[in-house]
């Protein structure tokens, strides 16, 4: 029997939908280790109960008549997250469909590269978002004078590092569409520009369209992910693991919510990098575990920070052992835990995570859009499109179980 659109729908739904969802959980370290929670949605937001204090109705008294302790109550708050909407799209021309009508296997081969590319791009981009600050900024800009070759910001050792490594970790790529915006306001300098070339050696990208002039007040964003000050990306670790600022509508600066602060350890001179030490690493673990009911289970950093840790062990003439984390990830041994690396990890830092208290709050699991019963839809032109989506935000139900060591000199 000749293949038709129904056959192709089944291929996409039965073969490719599971493979894309699997890649969300295996392509990158942090995505692989964070569980998904679909139970906390209430109306249009995720409502996550958090315990802020213990009941304090206890006390010791004399053996004779005495008043009992005043009854206390357990203090609860709600962390609130709103869904974020993540989309992907593939397109198939009518020409391919006609050529493969009698061989659905040929269609499968034609679509394989598109669906695999979609899975890889979505997983890489979501992992970038998880490590970011929720603003969508992928890179800072440097000074560009009326050119299509845009100079990017650099990592500055010493005071106030820029902390973005967009070309080093491959998050800016040829073929990607970007916006160039003012950091503070989201004011537009250029929109929907295609990257046509990159140069790691010169720390530049080349874009299409009209020439641009940039300075350090500008940043690079994925096209459409930010509109003025409204950001459409998920809450990221740069903001989530912090002792200040509101996350999930809770703020450690608010009386009664002081517990909503992560364990943060800066360098001896905050903002100035210094040599890594095991004592400082252990101190972050202790701060997080002493200030919460959690337990650090995962250590994550950039590859240059991992090299600095390796050099420390070698310099101390310590045996360099490796550990295997669940899921098969391997890393250097630190205090019985695997020190893993992630390409999106914040430069000059190590994250100490209790991933039992990190969640993908999920409104809709990753899936093809097929409410009308069909995945492939006419594109109003010469082919068909299929749309993939995942509605979810990233967050925590216990911010104080997470920690970070800052100001590390990389190797």
Protein backbone atom coordinates (compact mmCIF):
# COMPACT_ATOMS: atom_id res chain seq x y z
CA UNK A 1 0.00 0.00 0.00
CA UNK A 2 1.32 3.44 -0.92
CA UNK A 3 2.31 5.71 1.96
CA UNK A 4 0.17 8.79 2.62
CA UNK A 5 0.10 11.60 5.19
CA UNK A 6 -1.50 9.27 7.73
CA UNK A 7 1.51 6.96 7.42
CA UNK A 8 3.88 9.87 7.90
CA UNK A 9 1.91 11.08 10.94
CA UNK A 10 2.37 7.66 12.53
CA UNK A 11 6.09 7.71 11.82
CA UNK A 12 6.45 11.09 13.49
CA UNK A 13 4.24 10.20 16.45
CA UNK A 14 5.33 6.63 17.16
CA UNK A 15 8.99 6.75 16.16
CA UNK A 16 10.19 10.32 16.49
CA UNK A 17 8.16 11.68 19.42
CA UNK A 18 9.70 9.23 21.93
CA UNK A 19 13.19 9.77 20.51
CA UNK A 20 12.97 13.55 20.92
CA UNK A 21 11.65 13.26 24.48
CA UNK A 22 14.43 10.81 25.31
CA UNK A 23 17.04 13.28 24.09
CA UNK A 24 15.68 15.92 26.46
CA UNK A 25 16.70 13.56 29.25
CA UNK A 26 20.05 12.37 27.96
CA UNK A 27 21.78 14.93 25.75
CA UNK A 28 22.98 17.22 28.52
CA UNK A 29 24.03 16.72 32.12
CA UNK A 30 21.64 19.01 33.94
CA UNK A 31 18.61 18.10 31.81
CA UNK A 32 19.41 14.45 32.44
CA UNK A 33 19.35 14.77 36.21
CA UNK A 34 16.32 17.00 36.89
CA UNK A 35 12.97 15.28 37.35
CA UNK A 36 9.71 16.44 35.82
CA UNK A 37 6.70 17.33 37.97
CA UNK A 38 3.23 17.56 36.41
CA UNK A 39 1.26 17.57 39.67
CA UNK A 40 1.65 21.11 41.01
CA UNK A 41 -0.23 23.03 38.32
CA UNK A 42 -3.12 25.13 39.66
CA UNK A 43 -4.91 27.27 37.11
CA UNK A 44 -2.25 29.08 35.11
CA UNK A 45 0.67 28.59 37.49
CA UNK A 46 2.61 26.00 39.44
CA UNK A 47 2.06 26.28 43.20
CA UNK A 48 4.83 24.53 45.16
CA UNK A 49 4.50 24.28 48.97
CA UNK A 50 7.66 25.12 50.90
CA UNK A 51 8.28 24.72 54.63
CA UNK A 52 9.82 27.84 56.11
CA UNK A 53 9.89 27.02 59.80
CA UNK A 54 9.32 24.23 62.34
CA UNK A 55 6.61 24.16 64.96
CA UNK A 56 8.15 25.64 68.11
CA UNK A 57 5.59 24.48 70.70
CA UNK A 58 8.13 22.62 72.85
CA UNK A 59 9.89 23.37 76.13
CA UNK A 60 11.13 21.93 79.44
CA UNK A 61 9.35 22.60 82.76
CA UNK A 62 9.51 21.78 86.49
CA UNK A 63 7.93 18.60 87.86
CA UNK A 64 5.17 20.56 89.58
CA UNK A 65 2.36 22.42 87.96
CA UNK A 66 3.57 24.70 85.26
CA UNK A 67 2.18 26.16 82.08
CA UNK A 68 2.81 24.13 78.96
CA UNK A 69 4.70 25.64 76.05
CA UNK A 70 2.74 27.88 73.77
CA UNK A 71 1.55 25.92 70.78
CA UNK A 72 3.43 26.64 67.59
CA UNK A 73 2.72 25.94 63.98
CA UNK A 74 4.72 24.82 61.00
CA UNK A 75 5.28 27.73 58.62
CA UNK A 76 4.40 27.12 55.01
CA UNK A 77 4.79 29.33 51.96
CA UNK A 78 4.08 28.73 48.31
CA UNK A 79 6.68 29.11 45.62
CA UNK A 80 4.89 30.07 42.41
CA UNK A 81 6.18 29.50 38.90
CA UNK A 82 4.48 30.26 35.61
CA UNK A 83 4.78 27.94 32.62
CA UNK A 84 7.24 28.73 29.86
CA UNK A 85 6.40 27.70 26.32
CA UNK A 86 9.06 25.99 24.21
CA UNK A 87 8.51 25.29 20.52
CA UNK A 88 10.22 23.53 17.65
CA UNK A 89 9.25 23.06 14.00
CA UNK A 90 10.27 20.88 11.06
CA UNK A 91 9.20 21.32 7.45
CA UNK A 92 8.78 18.71 4.68
CA UNK A 93 8.28 19.64 1.03
CA UNK A 94 5.62 18.09 -1.19
CA UNK A 95 8.44 16.99 -3.50
CA UNK A 96 9.85 14.64 -0.83
CA UNK A 97 6.38 13.32 -0.05
CA UNK A 98 5.74 12.52 -3.74
CA UNK A 99 9.13 10.85 -4.18
CA UNK A 100 8.52 8.60 -1.16
CA UNK A 101 4.86 7.67 -1.58
CA UNK A 102 5.72 4.06 -2.27
CA UNK A 103 8.54 3.83 0.25
CA UNK A 104 7.80 5.15 3.73
CA UNK A 105 11.32 4.10 4.69
CA UNK A 106 12.70 6.70 2.31
CA UNK A 107 10.56 9.31 4.01
CA UNK A 108 11.89 8.13 7.34
CA UNK A 109 15.45 8.72 6.16
CA UNK A 110 14.56 12.15 4.82
CA UNK A 111 12.96 13.25 8.08
CA UNK A 112 15.51 11.63 10.42
CA UNK A 113 18.03 14.46 10.10
CA UNK A 114 15.32 17.08 10.68
CA UNK A 115 13.90 15.45 13.81
CA UNK A 116 17.30 14.63 15.26
CA UNK A 117 18.38 18.19 14.62
CA UNK A 118 15.22 19.46 16.31
CA UNK A 119 15.82 17.26 19.36
CA UNK A 120 19.45 18.27 19.65
CA UNK A 121 18.81 21.98 19.23
CA UNK A 122 15.92 22.07 21.71
CA UNK A 123 17.82 20.10 24.33
CA UNK A 124 20.95 22.23 23.96
CA UNK A 125 18.96 25.44 24.10
CA UNK A 126 16.96 24.38 27.16
CA UNK A 127 20.13 23.32 28.94
CA UNK A 128 21.57 26.78 28.17
CA UNK A 129 18.43 28.36 29.63
CA UNK A 130 18.66 26.27 32.82
CA UNK A 131 22.19 27.57 33.39
CA UNK A 132 21.30 31.15 32.52
CA UNK A 133 19.65 33.99 34.45
CA UNK A 134 16.19 34.00 32.90
CA UNK A 135 16.91 37.09 30.80
CA UNK A 136 17.74 35.15 27.64
CA UNK A 137 21.17 36.74 27.25
CA UNK A 138 23.53 34.35 25.50
CA UNK A 139 26.50 36.68 25.24
CA UNK A 140 27.53 40.23 25.95
CA UNK A 141 28.61 42.43 23.07
CA UNK A 142 31.89 44.24 22.76
CA UNK A 143 32.54 47.38 20.74
CA UNK A 144 31.51 47.02 17.09
CA UNK A 145 31.80 50.03 14.74
CA UNK A 146 29.21 49.92 11.90
CA UNK A 147 29.90 46.36 10.78
CA UNK A 148 28.23 43.01 10.15
CA UNK A 149 31.02 41.36 12.15
CA UNK A 150 29.89 41.75 15.75
CA UNK A 151 32.48 41.71 18.52
CA UNK A 152 31.42 39.69 21.56
CA UNK A 153 32.19 40.39 25.20
CA UNK A 154 35.07 38.48 26.75
CA UNK A 155 35.61 36.76 30.06
CA UNK A 156 37.55 39.23 32.15
CA UNK A 157 39.77 37.76 34.84
CA UNK A 158 39.74 39.73 38.06
CA UNK A 159 37.06 42.22 38.99
CA UNK A 160 33.49 41.60 37.74
CA UNK A 161 33.99 38.82 35.18
CA UNK A 162 31.48 38.89 32.32
CA UNK A 163 30.72 35.19 32.90
CA UNK A 164 29.57 34.37 29.37
CA UNK A 165 31.36 31.96 27.05
CA UNK A 166 29.02 31.82 24.06
CA UNK A 167 31.49 30.75 21.39
CA UNK A 168 33.50 28.45 23.63
CA UNK A 169 30.44 26.34 24.39
CA UNK A 170 28.91 26.54 20.93
CA UNK A 171 25.71 28.30 21.91
CA UNK A 172 26.04 30.77 19.04
CA UNK A 173 26.09 28.85 15.76
CA UNK A 174 25.96 29.48 12.03
CA UNK A 175 22.34 29.48 10.87
CA UNK A 176 20.96 30.66 14.22
CA UNK A 177 18.66 33.71 14.31
CA UNK A 178 19.42 36.29 16.98
CA UNK A 179 18.33 39.65 18.36
CA UNK A 180 20.74 42.30 19.61
CA UNK A 181 19.16 44.18 22.52
CA UNK A 182 20.07 46.62 25.27
CA UNK A 183 20.59 44.59 28.46
CA UNK A 184 18.70 46.84 30.85
CA UNK A 185 15.64 47.73 28.78
CA UNK A 186 15.38 45.20 25.97
CA UNK A 187 15.44 48.08 23.46
CA UNK A 188 16.06 46.71 19.98
CA UNK A 189 19.23 47.28 18.00
CA UNK A 190 18.69 44.43 15.52
CA UNK A 191 16.14 41.61 15.27
CA UNK A 192 15.94 38.21 13.61
CA UNK A 193 19.44 38.40 12.15
CA UNK A 194 20.95 35.17 10.85
CA UNK A 195 24.47 34.23 11.92
CA UNK A 196 26.43 33.56 8.74
CA UNK A 197 29.90 32.95 10.23
CA UNK A 198 31.69 32.73 13.56
CA UNK A 199 35.30 33.18 14.62
CA UNK A 200 36.38 31.77 17.95
CA UNK A 201 39.87 33.15 17.43
CA UNK A 202 38.54 36.71 17.09
CA UNK A 203 35.52 36.23 19.38
CA UNK A 204 33.15 37.51 16.70
CA UNK A 205 30.01 36.53 14.83
CA UNK A 206 28.99 37.72 11.37
CA UNK A 207 25.30 38.45 10.71
CA UNK A 208 23.16 39.28 7.70
CA UNK A 209 21.19 42.47 7.10
CA UNK A 210 22.31 46.01 7.77
CA UNK A 211 25.50 46.89 9.67
CA UNK A 212 25.27 47.42 13.44
CA UNK A 213 27.15 49.42 16.05
CA UNK A 214 27.37 47.80 19.49
CA UNK A 215 28.94 48.44 22.86
CA UNK A 216 29.04 46.70 26.23
CA UNK A 217 25.44 47.71 27.02
CA UNK A 218 24.20 45.30 24.32
CA UNK A 219 23.71 41.55 24.38
CA UNK A 220 22.94 38.66 22.04
CA UNK A 221 19.60 36.83 22.45
CA UNK A 222 17.85 34.03 20.57
CA UNK A 223 15.41 35.73 18.22
CA UNK A 224 12.04 36.35 19.87
CA UNK A 225 12.93 35.04 23.33
CA UNK A 226 12.76 38.50 24.93
CA UNK A 227 10.43 41.44 24.33
CA UNK A 228 11.63 44.58 26.11
CA UNK A 229 11.81 43.50 29.80
CA UNK A 230 9.55 40.44 29.35
CA UNK A 231 11.57 37.23 29.17
CA UNK A 232 10.20 33.96 27.81
CA UNK A 233 13.01 31.66 28.97
CA UNK A 234 13.02 29.53 32.11
CA UNK A 235 14.32 30.48 35.53
CA UNK A 236 18.06 29.77 35.46
CA UNK A 237 20.63 28.69 38.02
CA UNK A 238 22.37 32.09 37.89
CA UNK A 239 19.31 33.53 39.67
CA UNK A 240 17.97 30.44 41.38
CA UNK A 241 21.16 29.70 43.32
CA UNK A 242 21.48 33.01 45.13
CA UNK A 243 21.08 34.52 48.59
CA UNK A 244 19.24 37.55 47.22
CA UNK A 245 16.37 38.28 44.90
CA UNK A 246 12.92 36.78 44.48
CA UNK A 247 12.44 33.38 42.88
CA UNK A 248 9.04 31.75 42.68
CA UNK A 249 7.47 34.83 44.35
CA UNK A 250 9.51 34.22 47.53
CA UNK A 251 12.27 36.60 48.63
CA UNK A 252 14.86 36.09 51.42
CA UNK A 253 14.66 39.84 52.10
CA UNK A 254 11.04 39.38 53.25
CA UNK A 255 10.46 38.69 56.96
CA UNK A 256 9.65 35.02 57.43
CA UNK A 257 11.19 34.04 54.11
CA UNK A 258 14.82 34.37 55.15
CA UNK A 259 15.22 30.62 54.63
CA UNK A 260 14.77 31.13 50.85
CA UNK A 261 18.49 31.74 50.31
CA UNK A 262 21.15 29.49 48.84
CA UNK A 263 24.60 28.85 50.30
CA UNK A 264 26.94 31.30 48.56
CA UNK A 265 30.70 31.47 49.06
CA UNK A 266 32.60 34.23 47.27
CA UNK A 267 36.34 34.54 47.04
CA UNK A 268 38.37 36.25 49.75
CA UNK A 269 37.97 39.40 47.66
CA UNK A 270 34.53 39.06 46.02
CA UNK A 271 34.78 39.49 42.26
CA UNK A 272 38.47 38.57 42.16
CA UNK A 273 39.31 35.01 41.18
CA UNK A 274 41.57 32.86 43.32
CA UNK A 275 43.05 29.36 43.31
CA UNK A 276 40.58 26.58 43.97
CA UNK A 277 40.78 24.76 47.31
CA UNK A 278 39.08 21.69 48.75
CA UNK A 279 38.45 23.54 52.00
CA UNK A 280 36.35 26.16 50.24
CA UNK A 281 34.51 23.46 48.30
CA UNK A 282 33.69 21.58 51.50
CA UNK A 283 32.57 24.79 53.15
CA UNK A 284 29.85 25.30 50.53
CA UNK A 285 28.62 21.74 51.09
CA UNK A 286 28.53 22.34 54.84
CA UNK A 287 26.74 25.68 54.49
CA UNK A 288 24.03 24.15 52.30
CA UNK A 289 23.50 21.07 54.44
CA UNK A 290 23.64 22.92 57.76
CA UNK A 291 21.11 25.48 56.56
CA UNK A 292 18.55 23.05 55.16
CA UNK A 293 17.21 19.52 55.34
CA UNK A 294 18.78 18.68 51.98
CA UNK A 295 21.97 16.90 50.99
CA UNK A 296 24.34 17.87 48.21
CA UNK A 297 24.42 15.09 45.62
CA UNK A 298 25.89 16.70 42.53
CA UNK A 299 28.92 18.89 41.81
CA UNK A 300 28.92 20.72 38.47
CA UNK A 301 31.38 23.10 36.85
CA UNK A 302 32.91 24.17 33.56
CA UNK A 303 35.71 22.17 31.96
CA UNK A 304 38.30 24.91 32.80
CA UNK A 305 37.22 24.76 36.46
CA UNK A 306 37.44 20.96 36.35
CA UNK A 307 41.00 21.29 35.05
CA UNK A 308 41.80 23.63 37.95
CA UNK A 309 40.51 21.00 40.39
CA UNK A 310 42.54 18.30 38.62
CA UNK A 311 45.68 20.44 38.90
CA UNK A 312 44.98 20.91 42.61
CA UNK A 313 44.83 17.15 43.18
CA UNK A 314 48.00 16.57 41.17
CA UNK A 315 49.80 19.36 43.04
CA UNK A 316 48.84 17.74 46.35
CA UNK A 317 50.13 14.41 45.00
CA UNK A 318 46.67 12.96 45.47
CA UNK A 319 45.41 9.97 43.51
CA UNK A 320 43.02 11.28 40.87
CA UNK A 321 40.02 8.97 41.03
CA UNK A 322 36.90 9.07 38.89
CA UNK A 323 33.32 8.55 40.01
CA UNK A 324 30.25 7.49 38.05
CA UNK A 325 27.01 9.37 38.60
CA UNK A 326 23.63 7.76 38.01
CA UNK A 327 22.88 7.70 34.30
CA UNK A 328 26.50 6.86 33.46
CA UNK A 329 28.01 10.35 33.74
CA UNK A 330 31.65 10.21 34.88
CA UNK A 331 33.63 12.81 36.78
CA UNK A 332 36.51 13.38 39.18
CA UNK A 333 35.96 12.26 42.75
CA UNK A 334 35.16 14.99 45.26
CA UNK A 335 34.18 13.91 48.76
CA UNK A 336 32.54 10.75 47.40
CA UNK A 337 30.67 12.62 44.66
CA UNK A 338 31.34 12.90 40.95
CA UNK A 339 32.56 16.35 39.87
CA UNK A 340 30.77 16.60 36.52
CA UNK A 341 31.19 19.16 33.76
CA UNK A 342 28.59 20.89 31.64
CA UNK A 343 29.37 23.08 28.64
CA UNK A 344 26.84 25.65 29.84
CA UNK A 345 28.21 25.86 33.41
CA UNK A 346 28.88 29.39 34.62
CA UNK A 347 32.59 30.26 34.27
CA UNK A 348 34.68 30.60 37.44
CA UNK A 349 32.11 28.78 39.60
CA UNK A 350 31.16 25.36 40.96
CA UNK A 351 27.50 24.52 41.59
CA UNK A 352 26.69 22.19 44.50
CA UNK A 353 23.22 20.80 43.88
CA UNK A 354 20.62 18.75 45.68
CA UNK A 355 18.77 17.74 42.54
CA UNK A 356 15.97 16.14 44.56
CA UNK A 357 14.85 19.74 45.10
CA UNK A 358 15.23 20.88 41.49
CA UNK A 359 12.29 20.29 39.17
CA UNK A 360 10.91 20.82 35.71
CA UNK A 361 7.39 22.03 36.51
CA UNK A 362 5.52 20.69 33.52
CA UNK A 363 2.19 21.81 32.08
CA UNK A 364 2.53 19.65 28.97
CA UNK A 365 5.10 16.96 28.28
CA UNK A 366 7.21 17.13 25.09
CA UNK A 367 4.96 16.18 22.18
CA UNK A 368 3.85 16.92 18.63
CA UNK A 369 0.98 19.35 18.21
CA UNK A 370 -1.91 17.22 16.90
CA UNK A 371 -5.13 18.45 18.53
CA UNK A 372 -6.89 18.14 15.17
CA UNK A 373 -5.68 14.55 14.76
CA UNK A 374 -2.91 15.40 12.30
CA UNK A 375 0.75 16.16 12.95
CA UNK A 376 1.66 17.23 9.43
CA UNK A 377 -0.14 20.42 8.39
CA UNK A 378 -0.08 22.33 5.14
CA UNK A 379 2.33 25.25 5.31
CA UNK A 380 0.27 27.37 2.89
CA UNK A 381 3.03 26.80 0.37
CA UNK A 382 4.65 23.74 -1.19
CA UNK A 383 4.86 21.44 1.80
CA UNK A 384 3.92 20.57 5.34
CA UNK A 385 5.10 21.52 8.81
CA UNK A 386 5.10 19.64 12.10
CA UNK A 387 5.28 21.52 15.39
CA UNK A 388 6.78 20.15 18.60
CA UNK A 389 6.28 21.73 22.01
CA UNK A 390 7.00 21.44 25.70
CA UNK A 391 5.35 23.71 28.28
CA UNK A 392 7.47 23.75 31.44
CA UNK A 393 9.49 25.94 33.78
CA UNK A 394 12.53 25.14 35.88
CA UNK A 395 12.58 25.81 39.61
CA UNK A 396 13.09 24.56 43.15
CA UNK A 397 10.99 23.78 46.19
CA UNK A 398 13.94 24.37 48.54
CA UNK A 399 16.32 27.09 47.41
CA UNK A 400 18.43 26.72 50.57
CA UNK A 401 19.49 23.18 49.59
CA UNK A 402 21.62 24.53 46.72
CA UNK A 403 25.06 26.16 46.87
CA UNK A 404 27.71 27.79 44.72
CA UNK A 405 31.43 28.50 45.07
CA UNK A 406 32.43 31.62 43.14
CA UNK A 407 35.60 33.39 42.04
CA UNK A 408 37.64 30.37 40.94
CA UNK A 409 40.67 30.81 38.73
CA UNK A 410 40.23 28.54 35.72
CA UNK A 411 42.99 26.48 34.10
